[in-house]
N, C-alpha and C. Protein backbone atom coordinates (compact mmCIF):
# COMPACT_ATOMS: atom_id res chain seq x y z
N MET A 1 157.65 117.70 45.57
CA MET A 1 157.86 116.34 46.03
C MET A 1 157.89 116.27 47.56
N VAL A 2 158.45 117.30 48.19
CA VAL A 2 158.50 117.33 49.65
C VAL A 2 157.08 117.38 50.20
N ARG A 3 156.21 118.18 49.57
CA ARG A 3 154.83 118.29 50.01
C ARG A 3 154.12 116.94 49.88
N THR A 4 154.31 116.24 48.77
CA THR A 4 153.70 114.93 48.55
C THR A 4 154.19 113.93 49.59
N ALA A 5 155.46 113.97 49.93
CA ALA A 5 156.00 113.06 50.95
C ALA A 5 155.40 113.38 52.31
N LEU A 6 155.22 114.67 52.60
CA LEU A 6 154.60 115.07 53.86
C LEU A 6 153.16 114.58 53.94
N ILE A 7 152.41 114.72 52.85
CA ILE A 7 151.03 114.22 52.81
C ILE A 7 151.02 112.71 53.03
N ALA A 8 151.95 111.99 52.41
CA ALA A 8 152.03 110.54 52.58
C ALA A 8 152.30 110.18 54.03
N THR A 9 153.19 110.94 54.69
CA THR A 9 153.51 110.68 56.09
C THR A 9 152.29 110.91 56.98
N VAL A 10 151.58 112.02 56.75
CA VAL A 10 150.39 112.33 57.53
C VAL A 10 149.32 111.26 57.32
N LEU A 11 149.08 110.89 56.07
CA LEU A 11 148.07 109.87 55.78
C LEU A 11 148.44 108.53 56.38
N THR A 12 149.72 108.20 56.34
CA THR A 12 150.16 106.94 56.94
C THR A 12 149.83 106.93 58.42
N GLY A 13 150.07 108.06 59.10
CA GLY A 13 149.74 108.15 60.52
C GLY A 13 148.26 108.07 60.77
N LEU A 14 147.45 108.75 59.95
CA LEU A 14 146.00 108.76 60.13
C LEU A 14 145.38 107.41 59.80
N LEU A 15 145.85 106.80 58.74
CA LEU A 15 145.25 105.55 58.28
C LEU A 15 145.83 104.34 58.99
N GLY A 16 146.92 104.53 59.72
CA GLY A 16 147.52 103.43 60.45
C GLY A 16 148.11 102.37 59.54
N THR A 17 148.61 102.78 58.41
CA THR A 17 149.21 101.83 57.48
C THR A 17 150.48 102.42 56.91
N SER A 18 151.38 101.58 56.57
CA SER A 18 152.64 102.06 55.99
C SER A 18 152.67 101.82 54.48
N THR A 19 151.54 101.51 53.89
CA THR A 19 151.51 101.19 52.46
C THR A 19 151.30 102.42 51.58
N VAL A 20 151.12 103.60 52.18
CA VAL A 20 150.94 104.81 51.38
C VAL A 20 152.31 105.27 50.90
N GLN A 21 152.48 105.32 49.62
CA GLN A 21 153.73 105.79 49.01
C GLN A 21 153.57 107.26 48.66
N ALA A 22 154.66 107.96 48.56
CA ALA A 22 154.63 109.38 48.25
C ALA A 22 153.86 109.65 46.97
N GLN A 23 154.06 108.82 45.94
CA GLN A 23 153.39 109.06 44.67
C GLN A 23 151.88 108.77 44.76
N ASP A 24 151.46 108.01 45.76
CA ASP A 24 150.04 107.68 45.93
C ASP A 24 149.31 108.70 46.79
N ALA A 25 150.03 109.56 47.47
CA ALA A 25 149.43 110.46 48.45
C ALA A 25 148.30 111.30 47.89
N PRO A 26 148.44 111.94 46.72
CA PRO A 26 147.32 112.75 46.23
C PRO A 26 146.05 111.95 46.01
N ALA A 27 146.18 110.74 45.47
CA ALA A 27 145.00 109.92 45.21
C ALA A 27 144.37 109.46 46.52
N VAL A 28 145.20 109.07 47.48
CA VAL A 28 144.69 108.62 48.78
C VAL A 28 144.02 109.78 49.50
N ALA A 29 144.63 110.98 49.42
CA ALA A 29 144.04 112.15 50.07
C ALA A 29 142.68 112.48 49.47
N ALA A 30 142.58 112.42 48.14
CA ALA A 30 141.30 112.69 47.48
C ALA A 30 140.25 111.67 47.87
N SER A 31 140.66 110.40 47.95
CA SER A 31 139.73 109.34 48.34
C SER A 31 139.26 109.54 49.78
N ALA A 32 140.19 109.89 50.67
CA ALA A 32 139.83 110.11 52.07
C ALA A 32 138.89 111.31 52.20
N ALA A 33 139.15 112.37 51.43
CA ALA A 33 138.28 113.55 51.48
C ALA A 33 136.89 113.21 50.98
N ALA A 34 136.79 112.42 49.92
CA ALA A 34 135.48 112.02 49.39
C ALA A 34 134.73 111.18 50.41
N ALA A 35 135.42 110.27 51.08
CA ALA A 35 134.77 109.43 52.09
C ALA A 35 134.30 110.27 53.26
N THR A 36 135.09 111.25 53.67
CA THR A 36 134.70 112.13 54.78
C THR A 36 133.49 112.95 54.41
N ASN A 37 133.47 113.50 53.19
CA ASN A 37 132.32 114.30 52.75
C ASN A 37 131.07 113.45 52.67
N ALA A 38 131.19 112.21 52.19
CA ALA A 38 130.04 111.33 52.09
C ALA A 38 129.51 110.98 53.48
N ALA A 39 130.42 110.76 54.42
CA ALA A 39 130.00 110.38 55.76
C ALA A 39 129.33 111.53 56.49
N SER A 40 129.75 112.78 56.22
CA SER A 40 129.18 113.90 56.95
C SER A 40 127.95 114.49 56.25
N ALA A 41 127.65 114.04 55.05
CA ALA A 41 126.48 114.54 54.34
C ALA A 41 125.22 114.08 55.05
N PRO A 42 124.21 114.94 55.18
CA PRO A 42 122.99 114.52 55.86
C PRO A 42 122.28 113.43 55.07
N ALA A 43 121.60 112.58 55.81
CA ALA A 43 120.85 111.51 55.16
C ALA A 43 119.73 112.13 54.34
N PRO A 44 119.40 111.52 53.20
CA PRO A 44 118.31 112.06 52.41
C PRO A 44 117.01 112.02 53.20
N PRO A 45 116.13 113.00 52.97
CA PRO A 45 114.89 113.00 53.74
C PRO A 45 114.09 111.73 53.48
N ALA A 46 113.51 111.23 54.54
CA ALA A 46 112.69 110.03 54.42
C ALA A 46 111.38 110.38 53.74
N GLY A 47 110.78 109.41 53.11
CA GLY A 47 109.48 109.62 52.50
C GLY A 47 108.41 109.72 53.56
N PRO A 48 107.18 109.86 53.16
CA PRO A 48 106.09 109.92 54.14
C PRO A 48 106.04 108.67 55.01
N ILE A 49 105.53 108.83 56.20
CA ILE A 49 105.41 107.71 57.14
C ILE A 49 104.37 106.74 56.61
N ARG A 50 104.67 105.49 56.65
CA ARG A 50 103.74 104.42 56.28
C ARG A 50 103.99 103.23 57.19
N PRO A 51 103.01 102.44 57.50
CA PRO A 51 101.60 102.53 57.13
C PRO A 51 100.91 103.67 57.87
N LEU A 52 99.71 103.99 57.44
CA LEU A 52 98.98 105.12 58.01
C LEU A 52 98.79 105.00 59.51
N GLN A 53 98.75 103.78 60.04
CA GLN A 53 98.58 103.59 61.49
C GLN A 53 99.77 104.15 62.27
N GLN A 54 100.91 104.38 61.60
CA GLN A 54 102.10 104.91 62.26
C GLN A 54 102.16 106.44 62.21
N CYS A 55 101.23 107.05 61.48
CA CYS A 55 101.21 108.51 61.30
C CYS A 55 100.71 109.22 62.56
N LEU A 56 100.83 110.53 62.56
CA LEU A 56 100.45 111.35 63.70
C LEU A 56 98.98 111.72 63.62
N ASN A 57 98.25 111.42 64.67
CA ASN A 57 96.86 111.84 64.78
C ASN A 57 96.84 113.13 65.60
N PRO A 58 96.59 114.28 64.96
CA PRO A 58 96.66 115.56 65.68
C PRO A 58 95.73 115.64 66.89
N SER A 59 94.63 114.92 66.89
CA SER A 59 93.72 114.97 68.03
C SER A 59 94.31 114.29 69.26
N GLN A 60 95.40 113.54 69.09
CA GLN A 60 96.03 112.85 70.22
C GLN A 60 97.29 113.56 70.74
N ILE A 61 97.60 114.75 70.21
CA ILE A 61 98.81 115.45 70.64
C ILE A 61 98.69 115.83 72.12
N THR A 62 99.68 115.39 72.90
CA THR A 62 99.73 115.73 74.32
C THR A 62 100.91 116.64 74.65
N ARG A 63 101.88 116.70 73.74
CA ARG A 63 103.02 117.60 73.97
C ARG A 63 103.52 118.12 72.63
N TRP A 64 103.74 119.44 72.58
CA TRP A 64 104.24 120.12 71.41
C TRP A 64 105.42 120.97 71.86
N GLN A 65 106.59 120.68 71.36
CA GLN A 65 107.78 121.45 71.72
C GLN A 65 108.39 122.04 70.45
N ALA A 66 108.25 123.36 70.28
CA ALA A 66 108.84 124.02 69.12
C ALA A 66 110.36 123.96 69.25
N LEU A 67 111.02 123.69 68.14
CA LEU A 67 112.48 123.67 68.07
C LEU A 67 112.87 124.73 67.05
N GLY A 68 112.94 125.96 67.48
CA GLY A 68 113.13 127.06 66.55
C GLY A 68 111.80 127.30 65.84
N THR A 69 111.86 127.90 64.66
CA THR A 69 110.64 128.17 63.91
C THR A 69 110.41 127.17 62.79
N ARG A 70 111.35 126.22 62.61
CA ARG A 70 111.24 125.30 61.48
C ARG A 70 111.03 123.85 61.87
N ALA A 71 110.87 123.57 63.15
CA ALA A 71 110.70 122.17 63.56
C ALA A 71 109.96 122.09 64.88
N ALA A 72 109.44 120.90 65.16
CA ALA A 72 108.77 120.64 66.43
C ALA A 72 108.95 119.17 66.80
N ALA A 73 109.04 118.93 68.09
CA ALA A 73 109.04 117.58 68.64
C ALA A 73 107.65 117.38 69.23
N VAL A 74 107.02 116.26 68.90
CA VAL A 74 105.62 116.05 69.24
C VAL A 74 105.43 114.68 69.87
N VAL A 75 104.58 114.65 70.90
CA VAL A 75 104.11 113.39 71.46
C VAL A 75 102.61 113.33 71.17
N ALA A 76 102.19 112.22 70.59
CA ALA A 76 100.77 112.02 70.26
C ALA A 76 100.45 110.56 70.50
N GLY A 77 99.50 110.32 71.41
CA GLY A 77 99.19 108.93 71.74
C GLY A 77 100.43 108.25 72.27
N ASP A 78 100.79 107.10 71.71
CA ASP A 78 102.00 106.41 72.13
C ASP A 78 103.16 106.65 71.16
N GLY A 79 103.04 107.68 70.31
CA GLY A 79 104.06 107.95 69.31
C GLY A 79 104.83 109.24 69.56
N TYR A 80 106.06 109.25 69.08
CA TYR A 80 106.94 110.41 69.15
C TYR A 80 107.29 110.79 67.71
N PHE A 81 107.29 112.11 67.43
CA PHE A 81 107.48 112.57 66.06
C PHE A 81 108.36 113.81 66.01
N GLU A 82 109.03 113.97 64.89
CA GLU A 82 109.68 115.23 64.55
C GLU A 82 108.98 115.74 63.30
N ILE A 83 108.56 117.00 63.35
CA ILE A 83 107.95 117.65 62.19
C ILE A 83 108.89 118.77 61.77
N ARG A 84 109.22 118.82 60.49
CA ARG A 84 110.04 119.90 59.93
C ARG A 84 109.18 120.69 58.96
N PHE A 85 109.24 122.00 59.08
CA PHE A 85 108.45 122.89 58.23
C PHE A 85 109.30 123.44 57.09
N ALA A 86 108.66 123.66 55.96
CA ALA A 86 109.36 124.17 54.78
C ALA A 86 109.86 125.59 55.02
N ASP A 87 109.10 126.37 55.75
CA ASP A 87 109.46 127.76 56.05
C ASP A 87 109.28 127.98 57.54
N GLY A 88 109.86 129.05 58.04
CA GLY A 88 109.64 129.39 59.43
C GLY A 88 108.17 129.67 59.68
N CYS A 89 107.73 129.41 60.88
CA CYS A 89 106.32 129.59 61.22
C CYS A 89 106.10 130.89 61.98
N ASP A 90 106.70 131.97 61.53
CA ASP A 90 106.45 133.30 62.08
C ASP A 90 106.62 133.32 63.60
N ASN A 91 107.59 132.54 64.08
CA ASN A 91 107.90 132.47 65.51
C ASN A 91 106.71 132.08 66.37
N ASP A 92 105.72 131.47 65.79
CA ASP A 92 104.57 130.99 66.57
C ASP A 92 104.96 129.63 67.16
N ARG A 93 105.30 129.64 68.42
CA ARG A 93 105.85 128.44 69.06
C ARG A 93 104.78 127.56 69.69
N SER A 94 103.54 128.00 69.64
CA SER A 94 102.48 127.19 70.25
C SER A 94 101.96 126.14 69.27
N ARG A 95 101.26 125.21 69.80
CA ARG A 95 100.68 124.14 68.99
C ARG A 95 99.74 124.71 67.95
N PRO A 96 99.80 124.20 66.72
CA PRO A 96 98.90 124.71 65.67
C PRO A 96 97.43 124.56 66.06
N ALA A 97 96.64 125.49 65.55
CA ALA A 97 95.21 125.49 65.84
C ALA A 97 94.46 124.52 64.93
N ALA A 98 94.99 124.28 63.74
CA ALA A 98 94.33 123.40 62.77
C ALA A 98 95.39 122.79 61.85
N TRP A 99 94.94 121.83 61.05
CA TRP A 99 95.84 121.11 60.16
C TRP A 99 95.20 120.95 58.79
N GLN A 100 96.02 120.97 57.79
CA GLN A 100 95.58 120.60 56.45
C GLN A 100 96.24 119.26 56.16
N MET A 101 95.44 118.24 55.92
CA MET A 101 95.96 116.90 55.73
C MET A 101 95.85 116.48 54.27
N ALA A 102 96.67 115.52 53.92
CA ALA A 102 96.62 114.99 52.55
C ALA A 102 95.33 114.20 52.36
N PRO A 103 94.76 114.26 51.16
CA PRO A 103 93.55 113.46 50.90
C PRO A 103 93.84 111.97 51.12
N ASP A 104 92.85 111.25 51.51
CA ASP A 104 92.94 109.79 51.70
C ASP A 104 93.83 109.35 52.86
N ASN A 105 94.21 110.27 53.76
CA ASN A 105 95.04 109.86 54.89
C ASN A 105 94.26 109.69 56.18
N ASN A 106 92.96 109.66 56.11
CA ASN A 106 92.12 109.36 57.27
C ASN A 106 92.42 110.24 58.49
N ASN A 107 92.56 111.55 58.26
CA ASN A 107 92.75 112.51 59.35
C ASN A 107 94.02 112.30 60.17
N VAL A 108 95.08 111.84 59.52
CA VAL A 108 96.38 111.74 60.17
C VAL A 108 97.41 112.46 59.31
N LEU A 109 98.49 112.88 59.95
CA LEU A 109 99.60 113.54 59.26
C LEU A 109 100.74 112.55 59.09
N CYS A 110 101.21 112.43 57.86
CA CYS A 110 102.25 111.45 57.55
C CYS A 110 103.48 112.09 56.90
N GLY A 111 103.43 113.38 56.60
CA GLY A 111 104.53 114.02 55.89
C GLY A 111 104.34 114.00 54.39
N ASP A 112 103.10 113.81 53.96
CA ASP A 112 102.80 113.81 52.53
C ASP A 112 102.77 115.24 51.99
N SER A 113 102.95 115.38 50.71
CA SER A 113 102.88 116.67 50.04
C SER A 113 101.51 117.30 50.29
N GLY A 114 101.51 118.59 50.56
CA GLY A 114 100.27 119.32 50.77
C GLY A 114 99.83 119.41 52.22
N GLU A 115 100.51 118.74 53.13
CA GLU A 115 100.13 118.83 54.54
C GLU A 115 100.71 120.12 55.13
N SER A 116 99.93 120.75 56.00
CA SER A 116 100.34 122.02 56.62
C SER A 116 99.79 122.13 58.02
N ALA A 117 100.48 122.94 58.80
CA ALA A 117 99.97 123.35 60.11
C ALA A 117 99.42 124.76 59.94
N ILE A 118 98.33 125.05 60.61
CA ILE A 118 97.74 126.38 60.56
C ILE A 118 97.75 126.93 61.98
N THR A 119 98.49 128.02 62.17
CA THR A 119 98.66 128.57 63.51
C THR A 119 97.43 129.34 63.96
N ALA A 120 97.40 129.66 65.23
CA ALA A 120 96.29 130.45 65.78
C ALA A 120 96.22 131.83 65.13
N ARG A 121 97.33 132.32 64.60
CA ARG A 121 97.36 133.60 63.90
C ARG A 121 96.92 133.48 62.44
N GLY A 122 96.66 132.25 62.01
CA GLY A 122 96.24 132.03 60.63
C GLY A 122 97.37 131.80 59.66
N ASN A 123 98.61 131.68 60.16
CA ASN A 123 99.74 131.39 59.30
C ASN A 123 99.69 129.94 58.84
N ILE A 124 99.95 129.73 57.57
CA ILE A 124 100.02 128.37 57.03
C ILE A 124 101.48 127.96 56.95
N CYS A 125 101.82 126.86 57.60
CA CYS A 125 103.19 126.38 57.66
C CYS A 125 103.26 125.01 56.97
N PRO A 126 103.70 124.97 55.72
CA PRO A 126 103.79 123.69 55.00
C PRO A 126 104.77 122.74 55.70
N ILE A 127 104.36 121.49 55.81
CA ILE A 127 105.22 120.47 56.41
C ILE A 127 106.17 119.96 55.33
N ALA A 128 107.47 120.06 55.59
CA ALA A 128 108.49 119.60 54.64
C ALA A 128 108.75 118.11 54.82
N SER A 129 108.79 117.66 56.08
CA SER A 129 109.04 116.24 56.35
C SER A 129 108.62 115.91 57.77
N MET A 130 108.40 114.63 57.98
CA MET A 130 108.06 114.11 59.30
C MET A 130 108.78 112.79 59.48
N ARG A 131 109.08 112.50 60.71
CA ARG A 131 109.61 111.17 61.00
C ARG A 131 109.12 110.73 62.37
N ARG A 132 108.89 109.44 62.46
CA ARG A 132 108.49 108.84 63.72
C ARG A 132 109.76 108.50 64.48
N LEU A 133 109.74 108.73 65.80
CA LEU A 133 110.90 108.48 66.64
C LEU A 133 110.55 107.49 67.73
N ASP A 134 111.56 106.87 68.32
CA ASP A 134 111.33 106.14 69.55
C ASP A 134 111.57 107.13 70.70
N GLN A 135 111.34 106.71 71.93
CA GLN A 135 111.46 107.65 73.04
C GLN A 135 112.88 108.17 73.18
N ASN A 136 113.89 107.32 72.94
CA ASN A 136 115.27 107.78 73.03
C ASN A 136 115.57 108.83 71.95
N GLY A 137 115.09 108.62 70.74
CA GLY A 137 115.28 109.59 69.66
C GLY A 137 114.61 110.91 69.97
N TYR A 138 113.42 110.82 70.55
CA TYR A 138 112.68 112.02 70.94
C TYR A 138 113.46 112.80 72.01
N ASN A 139 113.94 112.09 73.03
CA ASN A 139 114.69 112.73 74.09
C ASN A 139 115.97 113.36 73.55
N ALA A 140 116.65 112.67 72.62
CA ALA A 140 117.86 113.21 72.01
C ALA A 140 117.55 114.47 71.20
N LEU A 141 116.43 114.46 70.51
CA LEU A 141 116.01 115.63 69.72
C LEU A 141 115.78 116.82 70.64
N LEU A 142 115.09 116.60 71.74
CA LEU A 142 114.87 117.69 72.70
C LEU A 142 116.18 118.19 73.29
N ALA A 143 117.06 117.27 73.64
CA ALA A 143 118.34 117.64 74.25
C ALA A 143 119.20 118.44 73.28
N ALA A 144 119.16 118.07 72.02
CA ALA A 144 119.96 118.77 71.01
C ALA A 144 119.33 120.11 70.64
N GLY A 145 118.02 120.23 70.88
CA GLY A 145 117.32 121.47 70.54
C GLY A 145 117.38 121.76 69.04
N GLN A 146 117.36 120.70 68.23
CA GLN A 146 117.47 120.87 66.79
C GLN A 146 116.31 121.70 66.30
N GLY A 147 116.58 122.48 65.27
CA GLY A 147 115.52 123.28 64.70
C GLY A 147 116.03 124.28 63.83
């Protein structure tokens, strides 16, 4: 009972309310833990980029910044992108030499199933996901060095 009262006191301080009763503390603590876990869980991966006009045209890439072996920040034309790879790309940090694109995507990369980067060493790096960014998101990605 002392432990339950202590939990109620701590929760009252954290939640800024005096309505937490000692007998309610376990339920409130469980609810707070569930809310915290839900809030810190990563967002589900976004689907492929659509419409196709928003996708990445590899022939327009002007900047390629590897973020570890599993991601890259890319500037292409007037667009900013994050590409995540399913597996590490054998530490090949340079821009891919070729691309495998999804059928019917008009020579652009959208994050569809079957898209891959092919490195100068011939390594095939399947693309797990892609997202289009604004310039602030791109700069934040570079600053965080995510990868």
